[in-house]
């Protein structure tokens, strides 16, 4: 974060960081409880051939949330350039892990 950044950009980064934290917590909750939230709006129920996969979905969502959170912390916090670049690398690895997790996991 730089003092010359416009306040709107800082606000957007804070909103994305909070969203990343919310996704992380939601994904962990779904993966650990092995239950997806109930549908609140219309539609038909889940048939036997369409069983939800809560660990797969929750783990993927948690990893995407962690990637968003790490990326925004790297943008918001004042740190040396090498540390910021390392955090962006960690965010990229987390995002790739989320894609692999969702693609490989079949429970």
PDB file of N, CA and C in Angstrom:
ATOM      1  N   UNK A   1       0.848  -1.168   0.000  1.00  0.00           N
ATOM      2  CA  UNK A   1       0.000   0.000   0.000  1.00  0.00           C
ATOM      3  C   UNK A   1       0.893   1.229   0.000  1.00  0.00           C
ATOM      4  N   UNK A   2       0.515   2.157  -0.795  1.00  0.00           N
ATOM      5  CA  UNK A   2       1.261   3.397  -0.906  1.00  0.00           C
ATOM      6  C   UNK A   2       0.340   4.533  -0.475  1.00  0.00           C
ATOM      7  N   UNK A   3       0.912   5.544   0.141  1.00  0.00           N
ATOM      8  CA  UNK A   3       0.098   6.672   0.585  1.00  0.00           C
ATOM      9  C   UNK A   3      -0.503   7.434  -0.577  1.00  0.00           C
ATOM     10  N   UNK A   4       0.053   7.254  -1.766  1.00  0.00           N
ATOM     11  CA  UNK A   4      -0.488   7.949  -2.928  1.00  0.00           C
ATOM     12  C   UNK A   4      -1.621   7.171  -3.595  1.00  0.00           C
ATOM     13  N   UNK A   5      -1.931   5.979  -3.093  1.00  0.00           N
ATOM     14  CA  UNK A   5      -3.057   5.211  -3.650  1.00  0.00           C
ATOM     15  C   UNK A   5      -4.363   5.938  -3.363  1.00  0.00           C
ATOM     16  N   UNK A   6      -5.262   5.957  -4.335  1.00  0.00           N
ATOM     17  CA  UNK A   6      -6.559   6.603  -4.086  1.00  0.00           C
ATOM     18  C   UNK A   6      -7.367   5.822  -3.045  1.00  0.00           C
ATOM     19  N   UNK A   7      -8.163   6.526  -2.250  1.00  0.00           N
ATOM     20  CA  UNK A   7      -8.952   5.855  -1.210  1.00  0.00           C
ATOM     21  C   UNK A   7      -9.912   4.801  -1.774  1.00  0.00           C
ATOM     22  N   UNK A   8     -10.421   5.032  -2.982  1.00  0.00           N
ATOM     23  CA  UNK A   8     -11.340   4.054  -3.578  1.00  0.00           C
ATOM     24  C   UNK A   8     -10.627   2.727  -3.819  1.00  0.00           C
ATOM     25  N   UNK A   9      -9.377   2.767  -4.269  1.00  0.00           N
ATOM     26  CA  UNK A   9      -8.621   1.548  -4.511  1.00  0.00           C
ATOM     27  C   UNK A   9      -8.354   0.809  -3.204  1.00  0.00           C
ATOM     28  N   UNK A  10      -8.025   1.548  -2.167  1.00  0.00           N
ATOM     29  CA  UNK A  10      -7.801   0.929  -0.858  1.00  0.00           C
ATOM     30  C   UNK A  10      -9.095   0.303  -0.344  1.00  0.00           C
ATOM     31  N   UNK A  11     -10.221   0.981  -0.555  1.00  0.00           N
ATOM     32  CA  UNK A  11     -11.511   0.444  -0.145  1.00  0.00           C
ATOM     33  C   UNK A  11     -11.856  -0.845  -0.873  1.00  0.00           C
ATOM     34  N   UNK A  12     -11.590  -0.882  -2.174  1.00  0.00           N
ATOM     35  CA  UNK A  12     -11.860  -2.094  -2.949  1.00  0.00           C
ATOM     36  C   UNK A  12     -10.972  -3.235  -2.467  1.00  0.00           C
ATOM     37  N   UNK A  13      -9.718  -2.940  -2.192  1.00  0.00           N
ATOM     38  CA  UNK A  13      -8.810  -3.978  -1.688  1.00  0.00           C
ATOM     39  C   UNK A  13      -9.278  -4.511  -0.338  1.00  0.00           C
ATOM     40  N   UNK A  14      -9.762  -3.642   0.531  1.00  0.00           N
ATOM     41  CA  UNK A  14     -10.276  -4.087   1.826  1.00  0.00           C
ATOM     42  C   UNK A  14     -11.514  -4.964   1.663  1.00  0.00           C
ATOM     43  N   UNK A  15     -12.398  -4.589   0.747  1.00  0.00           N
ATOM     44  CA  UNK A  15     -13.598  -5.397   0.497  1.00  0.00           C
ATOM     45  C   UNK A  15     -13.210  -6.769  -0.037  1.00  0.00           C
ATOM     46  N   UNK A  16     -12.251  -6.833  -0.956  1.00  0.00           N
ATOM     47  CA  UNK A  16     -11.810  -8.116  -1.499  1.00  0.00           C
ATOM     48  C   UNK A  16     -11.140  -8.958  -0.400  1.00  0.00           C
ATOM     49  N   UNK A  17     -10.386  -8.317   0.488  1.00  0.00           N
ATOM     50  CA  UNK A  17      -9.753  -9.054   1.584  1.00  0.00           C
ATOM     51  C   UNK A  17     -10.803  -9.632   2.531  1.00  0.00           C
ATOM     52  N   UNK A  18     -11.830  -8.868   2.849  1.00  0.00           N
ATOM     53  CA  UNK A  18     -12.899  -9.365   3.720  1.00  0.00           C
ATOM     54  C   UNK A  18     -13.660 -10.492   3.024  1.00  0.00           C
ATOM     55  N   UNK A  19     -13.911 -10.352   1.719  1.00  0.00           N
ATOM     56  CA  UNK A  19     -14.562 -11.422   0.960  1.00  0.00           C
ATOM     57  C   UNK A  19     -13.702 -12.685   0.951  1.00  0.00           C
ATOM     58  N   UNK A  20     -12.395 -12.524   0.807  1.00  0.00           N
ATOM     59  CA  UNK A  20     -11.497 -13.677   0.848  1.00  0.00           C
ATOM     60  C   UNK A  20     -11.551 -14.379   2.192  1.00  0.00           C
ATOM     61  N   UNK A  21     -11.585 -13.603   3.265  1.00  0.00           N
ATOM     62  CA  UNK A  21     -11.704 -14.194   4.602  1.00  0.00           C
ATOM     63  C   UNK A  21     -13.034 -14.918   4.762  1.00  0.00           C
ATOM     64  N   UNK A  22     -14.110 -14.309   4.261  1.00  0.00           N
ATOM     65  CA  UNK A  22     -15.424 -14.950   4.344  1.00  0.00           C
ATOM     66  C   UNK A  22     -15.447 -16.258   3.544  1.00  0.00           C
ATOM     67  N   UNK A  23     -14.865 -16.267   2.342  1.00  0.00           N
ATOM     68  CA  UNK A  23     -14.798 -17.486   1.550  1.00  0.00           C
ATOM     69  C   UNK A  23     -13.974 -18.564   2.258  1.00  0.00           C
ATOM     70  N   UNK A  24     -12.875 -18.151   2.856  1.00  0.00           N
ATOM     71  CA  UNK A  24     -12.034 -19.094   3.585  1.00  0.00           C
ATOM     72  C   UNK A  24     -12.805 -19.738   4.729  1.00  0.00           C
ATOM     73  N   UNK A  25     -13.482 -18.943   5.517  1.00  0.00           N
ATOM     74  CA  UNK A  25     -14.233 -19.472   6.659  1.00  0.00           C
ATOM     75  C   UNK A  25     -15.412 -20.332   6.204  1.00  0.00           C
ATOM     76  N   UNK A  26     -16.118 -19.885   5.165  1.00  0.00           N
ATOM     77  CA  UNK A  26     -17.245 -20.653   4.649  1.00  0.00           C
ATOM     78  C   UNK A  26     -16.774 -22.002   4.096  1.00  0.00           C
ATOM     79  N   UNK A  27     -15.692 -21.986   3.331  1.00  0.00           N
ATOM     80  CA  UNK A  27     -15.171 -23.225   2.773  1.00  0.00           C
ATOM     81  C   UNK A  27     -14.718 -24.195   3.843  1.00  0.00           C
ATOM     82  N   UNK A  28     -14.063 -23.680   4.870  1.00  0.00           N
ATOM     83  CA  UNK A  28     -13.646 -24.550   5.976  1.00  0.00           C
ATOM     84  C   UNK A  28     -14.848 -25.139   6.700  1.00  0.00           C
ATOM     85  N   UNK A  29     -15.882 -24.331   6.887  1.00  0.00           N
ATOM     86  CA  UNK A  29     -17.096 -24.819   7.560  1.00  0.00           C
ATOM     87  C   UNK A  29     -17.749 -25.938   6.756  1.00  0.00           C
ATOM     88  N   UNK A  30     -17.860 -25.741   5.450  1.00  0.00           N
ATOM     89  CA  UNK A  30     -18.480 -26.766   4.602  1.00  0.00           C
ATOM     90  C   UNK A  30     -17.634 -28.034   4.585  1.00  0.00           C
ATOM     91  N   UNK A  31     -16.314 -27.881   4.460  1.00  0.00           N
ATOM     92  CA  UNK A  31     -15.442 -29.053   4.387  1.00  0.00           C
ATOM     93  C   UNK A  31     -15.403 -29.818   5.709  1.00  0.00           C
ATOM     94  N   UNK A  32     -15.398 -29.118   6.822  1.00  0.00           N
ATOM     95  CA  UNK A  32     -15.284 -29.786   8.119  1.00  0.00           C
ATOM     96  C   UNK A  32     -16.599 -30.397   8.583  1.00  0.00           C
ATOM     97  N   UNK A  33     -17.714 -29.735   8.324  1.00  0.00           N
ATOM     98  CA  UNK A  33     -19.009 -30.282   8.743  1.00  0.00           C
ATOM     99  C   UNK A  33     -19.572 -31.255   7.720  1.00  0.00           C
ATOM    100  N   UNK A  34     -19.014 -31.244   6.510  1.00  0.00           N
ATOM    101  CA  UNK A  34     -19.477 -32.106   5.409  1.00  0.00           C
ATOM    102  C   UNK A  34     -20.940 -31.880   5.087  1.00  0.00           C
ATOM    103  N   UNK A  35     -21.395 -30.636   5.240  1.00  0.00           N
ATOM    104  CA  UNK A  35     -22.776 -30.277   4.895  1.00  0.00           C
ATOM    105  C   UNK A  35     -22.776 -28.977   4.127  1.00  0.00           C
ATOM    106  N   UNK A  36     -23.484 -28.964   3.009  1.00  0.00           N
ATOM    107  CA  UNK A  36     -23.681 -27.735   2.258  1.00  0.00           C
ATOM    108  C   UNK A  36     -24.869 -26.992   2.853  1.00  0.00           C
ATOM    109  N   UNK A  37     -24.863 -25.675   2.781  1.00  0.00           N
ATOM    110  CA  UNK A  37     -26.033 -24.935   3.270  1.00  0.00           C
ATOM    111  C   UNK A  37     -27.276 -25.299   2.455  1.00  0.00           C
ATOM    112  N   UNK A  38     -28.422 -25.248   3.091  1.00  0.00           N
ATOM    113  CA  UNK A  38     -29.658 -25.567   2.383  1.00  0.00           C
ATOM    114  C   UNK A  38     -29.989 -24.488   1.374  1.00  0.00           C
ATOM    115  N   UNK A  39     -30.667 -24.893   0.334  1.00  0.00           N
ATOM    116  CA  UNK A  39     -31.116 -23.923  -0.669  1.00  0.00           C
ATOM    117  C   UNK A  39     -32.283 -23.141  -0.100  1.00  0.00           C
ATOM    118  N   UNK A  40     -32.232 -21.850  -0.213  1.00  0.00           N
ATOM    119  CA  UNK A  40     -33.290 -21.015   0.337  1.00  0.00           C
ATOM    120  C   UNK A  40     -34.356 -20.667  -0.690  1.00  0.00           C
ATOM    121  N   UNK A  41     -34.030 -20.806  -1.934  1.00  0.00           N
ATOM    122  CA  UNK A  41     -34.958 -20.422  -2.983  1.00  0.00           C
ATOM    123  C   UNK A  41     -35.429 -21.653  -3.725  1.00  0.00           C
ATOM    124  N   UNK A  42     -36.421 -21.484  -4.580  1.00  0.00           N
ATOM    125  CA  UNK A  42     -37.068 -22.577  -5.297  1.00  0.00           C
ATOM    126  C   UNK A  42     -36.117 -23.520  -6.000  1.00  0.00           C
ATOM    127  N   UNK A  43     -36.692 -24.429  -6.728  1.00  0.00           N
ATOM    128  CA  UNK A  43     -35.898 -25.428  -7.412  1.00  0.00           C
ATOM    129  C   UNK A  43     -36.209 -26.798  -6.853  1.00  0.00           C
ATOM    130  N   UNK A  44     -35.771 -27.776  -7.543  1.00  0.00           N
ATOM    131  CA  UNK A  44     -36.049 -29.128  -7.095  1.00  0.00           C
ATOM    132  C   UNK A  44     -34.958 -29.599  -6.144  1.00  0.00           C
ATOM    133  N   UNK A  45     -35.248 -30.637  -5.431  1.00  0.00           N
ATOM    134  CA  UNK A  45     -34.281 -31.204  -4.496  1.00  0.00           C
ATOM    135  C   UNK A  45     -33.173 -31.933  -5.235  1.00  0.00           C
ATOM    136  N   UNK A  46     -32.174 -32.343  -4.506  1.00  0.00           N
ATOM    137  CA  UNK A  46     -31.050 -33.061  -5.090  1.00  0.00           C
ATOM    138  C   UNK A  46     -31.441 -34.526  -5.240  1.00  0.00           C
ATOM    139  N   UNK A  47     -31.301 -35.042  -6.454  1.00  0.00           N
ATOM    140  CA  UNK A  47     -31.611 -36.443  -6.702  1.00  0.00           C
ATOM    141  C   UNK A  47     -30.466 -37.337  -6.271  1.00  0.00           C
ATOM    142  N   UNK A  48     -30.719 -38.619  -6.317  1.00  0.00           N
ATOM    143  CA  UNK A  48     -29.685 -39.559  -5.873  1.00  0.00           C
ATOM    144  C   UNK A  48     -28.480 -39.542  -6.792  1.00  0.00           C
ATOM    145  N   UNK A  49     -28.682 -39.199  -8.076  1.00  0.00           N
ATOM    146  CA  UNK A  49     -27.551 -39.147  -9.008  1.00  0.00           C
ATOM    147  C   UNK A  49     -26.772 -37.838  -8.920  1.00  0.00           C
ATOM    148  N   UNK A  50     -27.281 -36.886  -8.177  1.00  0.00           N
ATOM    149  CA  UNK A  50     -26.642 -35.579  -8.068  1.00  0.00           C
ATOM    150  C   UNK A  50     -26.232 -35.281  -6.634  1.00  0.00           C
ATOM    151  N   UNK A  51     -25.603 -36.206  -5.981  1.00  0.00           N
ATOM    152  CA  UNK A  51     -25.208 -36.004  -4.595  1.00  0.00           C
ATOM    153  C   UNK A  51     -24.148 -34.917  -4.496  1.00  0.00           C
ATOM    154  N   UNK A  52     -24.310 -33.996  -3.561  1.00  0.00           N
ATOM    155  CA  UNK A  52     -23.305 -32.948  -3.390  1.00  0.00           C
ATOM    156  C   UNK A  52     -21.996 -33.521  -2.849  1.00  0.00           C
ATOM    157  N   UNK A  53     -20.943 -32.826  -3.094  1.00  0.00           N
ATOM    158  CA  UNK A  53     -19.617 -33.232  -2.634  1.00  0.00           C
ATOM    159  C   UNK A  53     -19.055 -32.124  -1.748  1.00  0.00           C
ATOM    160  N   UNK A  54     -19.456 -32.096  -0.474  1.00  0.00           N
ATOM    161  CA  UNK A  54     -19.113 -30.956   0.376  1.00  0.00           C
ATOM    162  C   UNK A  54     -17.621 -30.796   0.649  1.00  0.00           C
ATOM    163  N   UNK A  55     -16.881 -31.883   0.776  1.00  0.00           N
ATOM    164  CA  UNK A  55     -15.445 -31.739   1.046  1.00  0.00           C
ATOM    165  C   UNK A  55     -14.751 -31.154  -0.174  1.00  0.00           C
ATOM    166  N   UNK A  56     -15.135 -31.613  -1.340  1.00  0.00           N
ATOM    167  CA  UNK A  56     -14.556 -31.099  -2.581  1.00  0.00           C
ATOM    168  C   UNK A  56     -14.880 -29.616  -2.759  1.00  0.00           C
ATOM    169  N   UNK A  57     -16.139 -29.269  -2.595  1.00  0.00           N
ATOM    170  CA  UNK A  57     -16.555 -27.882  -2.780  1.00  0.00           C
ATOM    171  C   UNK A  57     -15.969 -26.990  -1.688  1.00  0.00           C
ATOM    172  N   UNK A  58     -16.072 -27.418  -0.431  1.00  0.00           N
ATOM    173  CA  UNK A  58     -15.573 -26.613   0.684  1.00  0.00           C
ATOM    174  C   UNK A  58     -14.075 -26.398   0.628  1.00  0.00           C
ATOM    175  N   UNK A  59     -13.325 -27.442   0.286  1.00  0.00           N
ATOM    176  CA  UNK A  59     -11.874 -27.297   0.183  1.00  0.00           C
ATOM    177  C   UNK A  59     -11.465 -26.352  -0.932  1.00  0.00           C
ATOM    178  N   UNK A  60     -12.144 -26.462  -2.066  1.00  0.00           N
ATOM    179  CA  UNK A  60     -11.844 -25.551  -3.186  1.00  0.00           C
ATOM    180  C   UNK A  60     -12.159 -24.110  -2.846  1.00  0.00           C
ATOM    181  N   UNK A  61     -13.309 -23.888  -2.228  1.00  0.00           N
ATOM    182  CA  UNK A  61     -13.696 -22.526  -1.847  1.00  0.00           C
ATOM    183  C   UNK A  61     -12.733 -21.968  -0.802  1.00  0.00           C
ATOM    184  N   UNK A  62     -12.329 -22.793   0.158  1.00  0.00           N
ATOM    185  CA  UNK A  62     -11.390 -22.329   1.194  1.00  0.00           C
ATOM    186  C   UNK A  62     -10.038 -21.954   0.584  1.00  0.00           C
ATOM    187  N   UNK A  63      -9.562 -22.740  -0.363  1.00  0.00           N
ATOM    188  CA  UNK A  63      -8.277 -22.421  -0.988  1.00  0.00           C
ATOM    189  C   UNK A  63      -8.358 -21.151  -1.829  1.00  0.00           C
ATOM    190  N   UNK A  64      -9.463 -20.953  -2.536  1.00  0.00           N
ATOM    191  CA  UNK A  64      -9.628 -19.712  -3.305  1.00  0.00           C
ATOM    192  C   UNK A  64      -9.699 -18.513  -2.354  1.00  0.00           C
ATOM    193  N   UNK A  65     -10.427 -18.657  -1.243  1.00  0.00           N
ATOM    194  CA  UNK A  65     -10.497 -17.579  -0.253  1.00  0.00           C
ATOM    195  C   UNK A  65      -9.138 -17.257   0.340  1.00  0.00           C
ATOM    196  N   UNK A  66      -8.345 -18.287   0.619  1.00  0.00           N
ATOM    197  CA  UNK A  66      -6.996 -18.065   1.157  1.00  0.00           C
ATOM    198  C   UNK A  66      -6.125 -17.351   0.132  1.00  0.00           C
ATOM    199  N   UNK A  67      -6.252 -17.721  -1.141  1.00  0.00           N
ATOM    200  CA  UNK A  67      -5.475 -17.054  -2.187  1.00  0.00           C
ATOM    201  C   UNK A  67      -5.843 -15.581  -2.291  1.00  0.00           C
ATOM    202  N   UNK A  68      -7.151 -15.278  -2.243  1.00  0.00           N
ATOM    203  CA  UNK A  68      -7.585 -13.877  -2.278  1.00  0.00           C
ATOM    204  C   UNK A  68      -7.063 -13.102  -1.077  1.00  0.00           C
ATOM    205  N   UNK A  69      -7.151 -13.710   0.084  1.00  0.00           N
ATOM    206  CA  UNK A  69      -6.713 -13.036   1.304  1.00  0.00           C
ATOM    207  C   UNK A  69      -5.216 -12.749   1.281  1.00  0.00           C
ATOM    208  N   UNK A  70      -4.415 -13.723   0.885  1.00  0.00           N
ATOM    209  CA  UNK A  70      -2.965 -13.533   0.838  1.00  0.00           C
ATOM    210  C   UNK A  70      -2.604 -12.474  -0.199  1.00  0.00           C
ATOM    211  N   UNK A  71      -3.269 -12.502  -1.342  1.00  0.00           N
ATOM    212  CA  UNK A  71      -2.986 -11.520  -2.389  1.00  0.00           C
ATOM    213  C   UNK A  71      -3.286 -10.105  -1.900  1.00  0.00           C
ATOM    214  N   UNK A  72      -4.396  -9.921  -1.202  1.00  0.00           N
ATOM    215  CA  UNK A  72      -4.750  -8.581  -0.752  1.00  0.00           C
ATOM    216  C   UNK A  72      -3.889  -8.123   0.420  1.00  0.00           C
ATOM    217  N   UNK A  73      -3.463  -9.041   1.262  1.00  0.00           N
ATOM    218  CA  UNK A  73      -2.542  -8.664   2.346  1.00  0.00           C
ATOM    219  C   UNK A  73      -1.229  -8.177   1.746  1.00  0.00           C
ATOM    220  N   UNK A  74      -0.795  -8.841   0.674  1.00  0.00           N
ATOM    221  CA  UNK A  74       0.435  -8.408   0.012  1.00  0.00           C
ATOM    222  C   UNK A  74       0.274  -7.010  -0.585  1.00  0.00           C
ATOM    223  N   UNK A  75      -0.937  -6.666  -1.015  1.00  0.00           N
ATOM    224  CA  UNK A  75      -1.165  -5.345  -1.606  1.00  0.00           C
ATOM    225  C   UNK A  75      -1.417  -4.271  -0.550  1.00  0.00           C
ATOM    226  N   UNK A  76      -1.989  -4.639   0.591  1.00  0.00           N
ATOM    227  CA  UNK A  76      -2.373  -3.648   1.600  1.00  0.00           C
ATOM    228  C   UNK A  76      -1.275  -3.332   2.610  1.00  0.00           C
ATOM    229  N   UNK A  77      -0.509  -4.323   2.999  1.00  0.00           N
ATOM    230  CA  UNK A  77       0.491  -4.124   4.048  1.00  0.00           C
ATOM    231  C   UNK A  77       1.792  -3.566   3.463  1.00  0.00           C
ATOM    232  N   UNK A  78       2.444  -2.751   4.238  1.00  0.00           N
ATOM    233  CA  UNK A  78       3.747  -2.227   3.838  1.00  0.00           C
ATOM    234  C   UNK A  78       4.803  -3.277   4.157  1.00  0.00           C
ATOM    235  N   UNK A  79       5.524  -3.702   3.125  1.00  0.00           N
ATOM    236  CA  UNK A  79       6.541  -4.740   3.296  1.00  0.00           C
ATOM    237  C   UNK A  79       7.575  -4.599   2.198  1.00  0.00           C
ATOM    238  N   UNK A  80       8.735  -5.211   2.381  1.00  0.00           N
ATOM    239  CA  UNK A  80       9.749  -5.187   1.329  1.00  0.00           C
ATOM    240  C   UNK A  80       9.225  -5.855   0.054  1.00  0.00           C
ATOM    241  N   UNK A  81       9.793  -5.463  -1.063  1.00  0.00           N
ATOM    242  CA  UNK A  81       9.323  -5.966  -2.354  1.00  0.00           C
ATOM    243  C   UNK A  81       9.477  -7.484  -2.467  1.00  0.00           C
ATOM    244  N   UNK A  82      10.548  -8.034  -1.930  1.00  0.00           N
ATOM    245  CA  UNK A  82      10.770  -9.476  -2.018  1.00  0.00           C
ATOM    246  C   UNK A  82       9.699 -10.249  -1.251  1.00  0.00           C
ATOM    247  N   UNK A  83       9.296  -9.746  -0.095  1.00  0.00           N
ATOM    248  CA  UNK A  83       8.254 -10.404   0.696  1.00  0.00           C
ATOM    249  C   UNK A  83       6.912 -10.309  -0.021  1.00  0.00           C
ATOM    250  N   UNK A  84       6.615  -9.157  -0.593  1.00  0.00           N
ATOM    251  CA  UNK A  84       5.377  -8.995  -1.350  1.00  0.00           C
ATOM    252  C   UNK A  84       5.317  -9.926  -2.546  1.00  0.00           C
ATOM    253  N   UNK A  85       6.435 -10.060  -3.242  1.00  0.00           N
ATOM    254  CA  UNK A  85       6.500 -10.969  -4.380  1.00  0.00           C
ATOM    255  C   UNK A  85       6.340 -12.421  -3.924  1.00  0.00           C
ATOM    256  N   UNK A  86       6.934 -12.762  -2.792  1.00  0.00           N
ATOM    257  CA  UNK A  86       6.782 -14.122  -2.255  1.00  0.00           C
ATOM    258  C   UNK A  86       5.324 -14.398  -1.886  1.00  0.00           C
ATOM    259  N   UNK A  87       4.647 -13.415  -1.297  1.00  0.00           N
ATOM    260  CA  UNK A  87       3.236 -13.598  -0.953  1.00  0.00           C
ATOM    261  C   UNK A  87       2.370 -13.750  -2.197  1.00  0.00           C
ATOM    262  N   UNK A  88       2.681 -13.013  -3.244  1.00  0.00           N
ATOM    263  CA  UNK A  88       1.942 -13.181  -4.489  1.00  0.00           C
ATOM    264  C   UNK A  88       2.185 -14.569  -5.076  1.00  0.00           C
ATOM    265  N   UNK A  89       3.402 -15.078  -4.930  1.00  0.00           N
ATOM    266  CA  UNK A  89       3.689 -16.448  -5.367  1.00  0.00           C
ATOM    267  C   UNK A  89       2.893 -17.463  -4.566  1.00  0.00           C
ATOM    268  N   UNK A  90       2.790 -17.249  -3.251  1.00  0.00           N
ATOM    269  CA  UNK A  90       1.997 -18.135  -2.400  1.00  0.00           C
ATOM    270  C   UNK A  90       0.526 -18.087  -2.816  1.00  0.00           C
ATOM    271  N   UNK A  91       0.020 -16.896  -3.128  1.00  0.00           N
ATOM    272  CA  UNK A  91      -1.368 -16.769  -3.581  1.00  0.00           C
ATOM    273  C   UNK A  91      -1.592 -17.541  -4.881  1.00  0.00           C
ATOM    274  N   UNK A  92      -0.639 -17.472  -5.796  1.00  0.00           N
ATOM    275  CA  UNK A  92      -0.752 -18.211  -7.050  1.00  0.00           C
ATOM    276  C   UNK A  92      -0.742 -19.714  -6.801  1.00  0.00           C
ATOM    277  N   UNK A  93       0.135 -20.164  -5.921  1.00  0.00           N
ATOM    278  CA  UNK A  93       0.191 -21.595  -5.590  1.00  0.00           C
ATOM    279  C   UNK A  93      -1.120 -22.042  -4.944  1.00  0.00           C
ATOM    280  N   UNK A  94      -1.686 -21.229  -4.065  1.00  0.00           N
ATOM    281  CA  UNK A  94      -2.963 -21.575  -3.441  1.00  0.00           C
ATOM    282  C   UNK A  94      -4.083 -21.662  -4.475  1.00  0.00           C
ATOM    283  N   UNK A  95      -4.090 -20.750  -5.426  1.00  0.00           N
ATOM    284  CA  UNK A  95      -5.124 -20.785  -6.458  1.00  0.00           C
ATOM    285  C   UNK A  95      -4.982 -22.028  -7.334  1.00  0.00           C
ATOM    286  N   UNK A  96      -3.760 -22.360  -7.724  1.00  0.00           N
ATOM    287  CA  UNK A  96      -3.530 -23.571  -8.516  1.00  0.00           C
ATOM    288  C   UNK A  96      -3.915 -24.809  -7.697  1.00  0.00           C
ATOM    289  N   UNK A  97      -3.617 -24.795  -6.402  1.00  0.00           N
ATOM    290  CA  UNK A  97      -4.002 -25.913  -5.536  1.00  0.00           C
ATOM    291  C   UNK A  97      -5.525 -26.051  -5.474  1.00  0.00           C
ATOM    292  N   UNK A  98      -6.244 -24.926  -5.476  1.00  0.00           N
ATOM    293  CA  UNK A  98      -7.709 -24.981  -5.462  1.00  0.00           C
ATOM    294  C   UNK A  98      -8.240 -25.625  -6.736  1.00  0.00           C
ATOM    295  N   UNK A  99      -7.669 -25.264  -7.874  1.00  0.00           N
ATOM    296  CA  UNK A  99      -8.105 -25.847  -9.142  1.00  0.00           C
ATOM    297  C   UNK A  99      -7.804 -27.347  -9.169  1.00  0.00           C
ATOM    298  N   UNK A 100      -6.615 -27.724  -8.723  1.00  0.00           N
ATOM    299  CA  UNK A 100      -6.250 -29.144  -8.694  1.00  0.00           C
ATOM    300  C   UNK A 100      -7.131 -29.894  -7.699  1.00  0.00           C
ATOM    301  N   UNK A 101      -7.362 -29.319  -6.535  1.00  0.00           N
ATOM    302  CA  UNK A 101      -8.203 -29.944  -5.509  1.00  0.00           C
ATOM    303  C   UNK A 101      -9.590 -30.225  -6.077  1.00  0.00           C
ATOM    304  N   UNK A 102     -10.175 -29.226  -6.734  1.00  0.00           N
ATOM    305  CA  UNK A 102     -11.519 -29.382  -7.252  1.00  0.00           C
ATOM    306  C   UNK A 102     -11.556 -30.379  -8.408  1.00  0.00           C
ATOM    307  N   UNK A 103     -10.491 -30.441  -9.182  1.00  0.00           N
ATOM    308  CA  UNK A 103     -10.444 -31.352 -10.324  1.00  0.00           C
ATOM    309  C   UNK A 103     -10.151 -32.791  -9.956  1.00  0.00           C
ATOM    310  N   UNK A 104      -9.331 -33.003  -8.930  1.00  0.00           N
ATOM    311  CA  UNK A 104      -8.881 -34.349  -8.591  1.00  0.00           C
ATOM    312  C   UNK A 104      -9.783 -35.012  -7.556  1.00  0.00           C
ATOM    313  N   UNK A 105     -10.216 -34.246  -6.599  1.00  0.00           N
ATOM    314  CA  UNK A 105     -11.002 -34.802  -5.473  1.00  0.00           C
ATOM    315  C   UNK A 105     -12.365 -35.296  -5.957  1.00  0.00           C
ATOM    316  N   UNK A 106     -12.746 -36.494  -5.612  1.00  0.00           N
ATOM    317  CA  UNK A 106     -14.013 -37.081  -6.061  1.00  0.00           C
ATOM    318  C   UNK A 106     -14.786 -37.733  -4.918  1.00  0.00           C
ATOM    319  N   UNK A 107     -15.015 -37.014  -3.819  1.00  0.00           N
ATOM    320  CA  UNK A 107     -15.824 -37.648  -2.766  1.00  0.00           C
ATOM    321  C   UNK A 107     -17.136 -37.028  -2.610  1.00  0.00           C
TER     322      UNK A 107
END
